[in-house]
Amino acid sequence: MFEDLDGNGVQDIFSGELGIEGWTVDLRWNGEVIATMMSGADGSFVFGNLGNTGSLMFEVCLGAPPLSWSAGRVTQTLPVGGSACSGAGYAFPFNNPFMTWSVNNFGEQLVP
């Protein structure tokens, strides 16, 4: 997850678009939250030890923003029209032999 300063949906670290720390990220299955993580200093998060579930569909959705972001209006710039969470997240079947899923593909723009 990264701060999308220009709102174009693409992370440009050379323009200061760095990770966002402390954002809640939920892993959902069958409509229920089964795991929650907080994004790290670089905006990354990992859901590990999930096992091989074959064709079951999971969703990764953003939860509460960090307190430093709660005073302004937040606009999500990535994903736009995602496959889960009312278009604001990702859905996928989990069949990874390493039993871990992570992504840094959430772009957020803070508009004071």
N, C-alpha and C. Protein backbone atom coordinates (compact mmCIF):
# COMPACT_ATOMS: atom_id res chain seq x y z
N MET A 1 0.83 -1.15 0.00
CA MET A 1 0.00 0.00 0.00
C MET A 1 0.89 1.23 0.00
N PHE A 2 0.53 2.20 -0.81
CA PHE A 2 1.38 3.37 -0.95
C PHE A 2 0.56 4.65 -1.02
N GLU A 3 1.23 5.76 -0.68
CA GLU A 3 0.58 7.07 -0.79
C GLU A 3 0.73 7.55 -2.22
N ASP A 4 -0.38 7.69 -2.89
CA ASP A 4 -0.41 8.10 -4.30
C ASP A 4 -0.60 9.62 -4.34
N LEU A 5 0.50 10.34 -4.27
CA LEU A 5 0.46 11.80 -4.17
C LEU A 5 -0.23 12.47 -5.36
N ASP A 6 0.00 11.93 -6.57
CA ASP A 6 -0.61 12.56 -7.75
C ASP A 6 -1.91 11.88 -8.19
N GLY A 7 -2.32 10.82 -7.51
CA GLY A 7 -3.60 10.19 -7.79
C GLY A 7 -3.70 9.43 -9.09
N ASN A 8 -2.55 9.01 -9.67
CA ASN A 8 -2.62 8.33 -10.96
C ASN A 8 -2.67 6.80 -10.87
N GLY A 9 -2.67 6.24 -9.66
CA GLY A 9 -2.77 4.79 -9.50
C GLY A 9 -1.48 4.03 -9.72
N VAL A 10 -0.36 4.73 -9.83
CA VAL A 10 0.94 4.11 -10.05
C VAL A 10 1.91 4.63 -8.99
N GLN A 11 2.62 3.73 -8.33
CA GLN A 11 3.58 4.16 -7.31
C GLN A 11 4.87 4.63 -7.97
N ASP A 12 5.28 5.83 -7.61
CA ASP A 12 6.54 6.40 -8.09
C ASP A 12 7.36 6.78 -6.87
N ILE A 13 8.23 5.88 -6.42
CA ILE A 13 9.00 6.13 -5.21
C ILE A 13 9.96 7.29 -5.36
N PHE A 14 10.36 7.60 -6.60
CA PHE A 14 11.28 8.71 -6.83
C PHE A 14 10.60 10.07 -6.70
N SER A 15 9.27 10.06 -6.65
CA SER A 15 8.51 11.29 -6.42
C SER A 15 7.95 11.34 -5.00
N GLY A 16 8.44 10.46 -4.14
CA GLY A 16 8.04 10.46 -2.74
C GLY A 16 6.82 9.64 -2.42
N GLU A 17 6.36 8.79 -3.35
CA GLU A 17 5.19 7.96 -3.10
C GLU A 17 5.64 6.68 -2.40
N LEU A 18 5.70 6.77 -1.09
CA LEU A 18 6.23 5.69 -0.26
C LEU A 18 5.10 4.89 0.37
N GLY A 19 5.46 3.81 1.04
CA GLY A 19 4.49 2.96 1.71
C GLY A 19 3.79 3.68 2.84
N ILE A 20 2.60 3.17 3.19
CA ILE A 20 1.82 3.72 4.30
C ILE A 20 1.84 2.70 5.43
N GLU A 21 2.31 3.11 6.57
CA GLU A 21 2.40 2.23 7.74
C GLU A 21 1.14 2.32 8.58
N GLY A 22 0.73 1.19 9.13
CA GLY A 22 -0.35 1.17 10.11
C GLY A 22 -1.76 1.07 9.57
N TRP A 23 -1.91 0.70 8.29
CA TRP A 23 -3.25 0.55 7.73
C TRP A 23 -3.72 -0.88 7.99
N THR A 24 -4.96 -1.03 8.40
CA THR A 24 -5.51 -2.36 8.65
C THR A 24 -5.90 -3.01 7.33
N VAL A 25 -5.50 -4.27 7.16
CA VAL A 25 -5.82 -5.03 5.96
C VAL A 25 -6.48 -6.32 6.41
N ASP A 26 -7.65 -6.63 5.85
CA ASP A 26 -8.41 -7.82 6.24
C ASP A 26 -8.36 -8.88 5.15
N LEU A 27 -8.25 -10.12 5.58
CA LEU A 27 -8.40 -11.27 4.70
C LEU A 27 -9.75 -11.88 5.02
N ARG A 28 -10.60 -11.98 4.00
CA ARG A 28 -11.96 -12.49 4.19
C ARG A 28 -12.16 -13.77 3.40
N TRP A 29 -12.96 -14.64 3.97
CA TRP A 29 -13.40 -15.84 3.28
C TRP A 29 -14.87 -16.02 3.59
N ASN A 30 -15.65 -16.22 2.56
CA ASN A 30 -17.08 -16.44 2.71
C ASN A 30 -17.75 -15.30 3.48
N GLY A 31 -17.27 -14.07 3.24
CA GLY A 31 -17.86 -12.89 3.86
C GLY A 31 -17.41 -12.57 5.27
N GLU A 32 -16.54 -13.40 5.84
CA GLU A 32 -16.09 -13.17 7.20
C GLU A 32 -14.59 -12.90 7.25
N VAL A 33 -14.19 -12.00 8.15
CA VAL A 33 -12.77 -11.70 8.33
C VAL A 33 -12.13 -12.88 9.06
N ILE A 34 -11.10 -13.47 8.44
CA ILE A 34 -10.41 -14.60 9.06
C ILE A 34 -9.00 -14.23 9.52
N ALA A 35 -8.49 -13.09 9.07
CA ALA A 35 -7.17 -12.61 9.51
C ALA A 35 -7.09 -11.12 9.27
N THR A 36 -6.37 -10.43 10.13
CA THR A 36 -6.16 -8.99 10.01
C THR A 36 -4.69 -8.69 10.23
N MET A 37 -4.14 -7.84 9.39
CA MET A 37 -2.74 -7.43 9.50
C MET A 37 -2.70 -5.90 9.49
N MET A 38 -1.57 -5.37 9.92
CA MET A 38 -1.31 -3.94 9.80
C MET A 38 -0.16 -3.80 8.80
N SER A 39 -0.25 -2.81 7.93
CA SER A 39 0.82 -2.61 6.97
C SER A 39 2.08 -2.14 7.70
N GLY A 40 3.22 -2.60 7.19
CA GLY A 40 4.50 -2.25 7.78
C GLY A 40 4.97 -0.88 7.32
N ALA A 41 6.16 -0.50 7.73
CA ALA A 41 6.72 0.82 7.41
C ALA A 41 6.80 1.07 5.91
N ASP A 42 6.98 0.01 5.13
CA ASP A 42 7.07 0.15 3.67
C ASP A 42 5.73 -0.06 2.98
N GLY A 43 4.65 -0.21 3.76
CA GLY A 43 3.32 -0.41 3.21
C GLY A 43 2.97 -1.85 2.91
N SER A 44 3.89 -2.76 3.16
CA SER A 44 3.65 -4.16 2.83
C SER A 44 2.89 -4.88 3.94
N PHE A 45 2.28 -5.99 3.58
CA PHE A 45 1.62 -6.87 4.54
C PHE A 45 1.67 -8.28 3.97
N VAL A 46 1.60 -9.26 4.85
CA VAL A 46 1.69 -10.66 4.43
C VAL A 46 0.67 -11.46 5.22
N PHE A 47 -0.08 -12.28 4.52
CA PHE A 47 -0.93 -13.27 5.17
C PHE A 47 -0.24 -14.60 4.96
N GLY A 48 0.23 -15.21 6.03
CA GLY A 48 0.98 -16.45 5.93
C GLY A 48 0.28 -17.61 6.60
N ASN A 49 0.83 -18.79 6.40
CA ASN A 49 0.33 -20.03 7.01
C ASN A 49 -1.14 -20.28 6.72
N LEU A 50 -1.53 -20.05 5.47
CA LEU A 50 -2.93 -20.25 5.10
C LEU A 50 -3.22 -21.66 4.62
N GLY A 51 -2.22 -22.35 4.15
CA GLY A 51 -2.43 -23.68 3.62
C GLY A 51 -2.91 -23.64 2.19
N ASN A 52 -2.98 -24.77 1.57
CA ASN A 52 -3.43 -24.89 0.19
C ASN A 52 -4.92 -25.17 0.22
N THR A 53 -5.71 -24.18 -0.16
CA THR A 53 -7.17 -24.31 -0.09
C THR A 53 -7.81 -24.57 -1.44
N GLY A 54 -7.00 -24.75 -2.47
CA GLY A 54 -7.53 -25.08 -3.79
C GLY A 54 -8.34 -23.96 -4.40
N SER A 55 -9.62 -24.19 -4.62
CA SER A 55 -10.43 -23.23 -5.37
C SER A 55 -11.25 -22.29 -4.48
N LEU A 56 -11.08 -22.33 -3.17
CA LEU A 56 -11.81 -21.40 -2.32
C LEU A 56 -11.38 -19.98 -2.63
N MET A 57 -12.34 -19.06 -2.68
CA MET A 57 -12.03 -17.66 -3.01
C MET A 57 -11.86 -16.84 -1.73
N PHE A 58 -10.76 -16.10 -1.68
CA PHE A 58 -10.48 -15.19 -0.59
C PHE A 58 -10.58 -13.75 -1.10
N GLU A 59 -10.78 -12.81 -0.19
CA GLU A 59 -10.78 -11.40 -0.52
C GLU A 59 -9.80 -10.68 0.39
N VAL A 60 -9.07 -9.72 -0.17
CA VAL A 60 -8.20 -8.85 0.61
C VAL A 60 -8.78 -7.45 0.50
N CYS A 61 -9.15 -6.89 1.66
CA CYS A 61 -9.84 -5.61 1.73
C CYS A 61 -9.15 -4.70 2.73
N LEU A 62 -9.20 -3.42 2.47
CA LEU A 62 -8.65 -2.46 3.41
C LEU A 62 -9.64 -2.20 4.53
N GLY A 63 -9.09 -2.07 5.74
CA GLY A 63 -9.90 -1.71 6.89
C GLY A 63 -9.63 -0.27 7.25
N ALA A 64 -9.47 -0.01 8.52
CA ALA A 64 -9.28 1.35 9.02
C ALA A 64 -7.93 1.93 8.64
N PRO A 65 -7.91 3.20 8.23
CA PRO A 65 -6.63 3.86 7.94
C PRO A 65 -5.91 4.20 9.24
N PRO A 66 -4.62 4.50 9.15
CA PRO A 66 -3.90 4.94 10.35
C PRO A 66 -4.47 6.27 10.84
N LEU A 67 -4.27 6.56 12.11
CA LEU A 67 -4.81 7.79 12.69
C LEU A 67 -4.35 9.03 11.94
N SER A 68 -3.13 9.02 11.44
CA SER A 68 -2.61 10.19 10.72
C SER A 68 -3.39 10.48 9.44
N TRP A 69 -4.14 9.52 8.96
CA TRP A 69 -4.93 9.69 7.74
C TRP A 69 -6.41 9.95 8.02
N SER A 70 -6.84 9.83 9.25
CA SER A 70 -8.27 9.90 9.55
C SER A 70 -8.84 11.31 9.51
N ALA A 71 -7.98 12.33 9.50
CA ALA A 71 -8.48 13.71 9.51
C ALA A 71 -8.88 14.21 8.13
N GLY A 72 -8.43 13.56 7.07
CA GLY A 72 -8.74 14.02 5.72
C GLY A 72 -9.61 13.05 4.96
N ARG A 73 -9.88 13.37 3.73
CA ARG A 73 -10.66 12.49 2.85
C ARG A 73 -9.69 11.60 2.11
N VAL A 74 -9.93 10.31 2.14
CA VAL A 74 -9.05 9.34 1.50
C VAL A 74 -9.71 8.86 0.22
N THR A 75 -8.97 8.88 -0.87
CA THR A 75 -9.44 8.37 -2.15
C THR A 75 -8.56 7.20 -2.55
N GLN A 76 -9.17 6.06 -2.84
CA GLN A 76 -8.41 4.91 -3.29
C GLN A 76 -8.18 5.02 -4.79
N THR A 77 -6.91 4.95 -5.20
CA THR A 77 -6.56 5.07 -6.61
C THR A 77 -6.19 3.73 -7.25
N LEU A 78 -5.98 2.71 -6.43
CA LEU A 78 -5.66 1.37 -6.92
C LEU A 78 -6.08 0.35 -5.88
N PRO A 79 -6.86 -0.68 -6.20
CA PRO A 79 -7.42 -0.94 -7.51
C PRO A 79 -8.67 -0.10 -7.77
N VAL A 80 -8.93 0.16 -9.00
CA VAL A 80 -10.17 0.79 -9.42
C VAL A 80 -10.96 -0.32 -10.11
N GLY A 81 -12.12 -0.61 -9.58
CA GLY A 81 -12.90 -1.72 -10.13
C GLY A 81 -12.27 -3.06 -9.82
N GLY A 82 -11.76 -3.21 -8.60
CA GLY A 82 -11.15 -4.47 -8.18
C GLY A 82 -12.15 -5.61 -8.18
N SER A 83 -11.67 -6.80 -7.91
CA SER A 83 -12.50 -8.00 -8.00
C SER A 83 -13.20 -8.36 -6.70
N ALA A 84 -13.07 -7.53 -5.64
CA ALA A 84 -13.70 -7.84 -4.36
C ALA A 84 -13.92 -6.55 -3.57
N CYS A 85 -14.56 -6.68 -2.44
CA CYS A 85 -14.74 -5.56 -1.50
C CYS A 85 -15.43 -4.38 -2.17
N SER A 86 -16.48 -4.64 -2.90
CA SER A 86 -17.22 -3.61 -3.64
C SER A 86 -16.33 -2.85 -4.61
N GLY A 87 -15.38 -3.55 -5.23
CA GLY A 87 -14.48 -2.95 -6.21
C GLY A 87 -13.22 -2.36 -5.63
N ALA A 88 -13.06 -2.41 -4.31
CA ALA A 88 -11.93 -1.77 -3.65
C ALA A 88 -10.88 -2.76 -3.16
N GLY A 89 -10.96 -4.02 -3.58
CA GLY A 89 -10.01 -5.02 -3.12
C GLY A 89 -9.77 -6.10 -4.15
N TYR A 90 -9.18 -7.18 -3.69
CA TYR A 90 -8.78 -8.27 -4.58
C TYR A 90 -9.41 -9.58 -4.13
N ALA A 91 -9.82 -10.41 -5.10
CA ALA A 91 -10.31 -11.75 -4.82
C ALA A 91 -9.41 -12.73 -5.55
N PHE A 92 -9.15 -13.88 -4.94
CA PHE A 92 -8.27 -14.85 -5.55
C PHE A 92 -8.48 -16.22 -4.92
N PRO A 93 -8.24 -17.30 -5.69
CA PRO A 93 -8.19 -18.63 -5.08
C PRO A 93 -6.79 -18.83 -4.51
N PHE A 94 -6.71 -19.46 -3.36
CA PHE A 94 -5.40 -19.62 -2.73
C PHE A 94 -4.90 -21.03 -2.95
N ASN A 95 -3.96 -21.17 -3.86
CA ASN A 95 -3.35 -22.48 -4.09
C ASN A 95 -1.83 -22.34 -4.19
N ASN A 96 -1.30 -21.43 -3.39
CA ASN A 96 0.13 -21.16 -3.36
C ASN A 96 0.83 -22.19 -2.49
N PRO A 97 1.80 -22.91 -3.01
CA PRO A 97 2.47 -23.92 -2.19
C PRO A 97 3.27 -23.34 -1.03
N PHE A 98 3.56 -22.04 -1.07
CA PHE A 98 4.30 -21.41 0.02
C PHE A 98 3.38 -20.93 1.14
N MET A 99 2.07 -21.04 0.96
CA MET A 99 1.07 -20.71 1.98
C MET A 99 1.17 -19.27 2.46
N THR A 100 1.52 -18.35 1.57
CA THR A 100 1.64 -16.93 1.92
C THR A 100 1.08 -16.10 0.77
N TRP A 101 0.41 -15.01 1.10
CA TRP A 101 -0.05 -14.08 0.06
C TRP A 101 0.24 -12.68 0.52
N SER A 102 0.82 -11.90 -0.36
CA SER A 102 1.08 -10.49 -0.04
C SER A 102 0.95 -9.68 -1.31
N VAL A 103 0.70 -8.40 -1.13
CA VAL A 103 0.57 -7.50 -2.27
C VAL A 103 0.86 -6.08 -1.80
N ASN A 104 1.37 -5.28 -2.67
CA ASN A 104 1.54 -3.87 -2.36
C ASN A 104 0.84 -3.08 -3.47
N ASN A 105 -0.40 -3.46 -3.74
CA ASN A 105 -1.14 -2.85 -4.85
C ASN A 105 -2.39 -2.12 -4.38
N PHE A 106 -2.28 -1.40 -3.29
CA PHE A 106 -3.33 -0.49 -2.88
C PHE A 106 -2.75 0.91 -2.92
N GLY A 107 -3.34 1.79 -3.71
CA GLY A 107 -2.91 3.18 -3.77
C GLY A 107 -3.94 4.05 -3.06
N GLU A 108 -3.46 4.92 -2.20
CA GLU A 108 -4.35 5.79 -1.43
C GLU A 108 -3.88 7.23 -1.55
N GLN A 109 -4.82 8.14 -1.77
CA GLN A 109 -4.50 9.56 -1.86
C GLN A 109 -5.24 10.29 -0.75
N LEU A 110 -4.51 11.07 0.02
CA LEU A 110 -5.09 11.87 1.10
C LEU A 110 -5.40 13.27 0.58
N VAL A 111 -6.66 13.65 0.68
CA VAL A 111 -7.08 14.99 0.25
C VAL A 111 -7.56 15.72 1.51
N PRO A 112 -6.78 16.69 1.99
CA PRO A 112 -7.14 17.37 3.24
C PRO A 112 -8.47 18.12 3.17
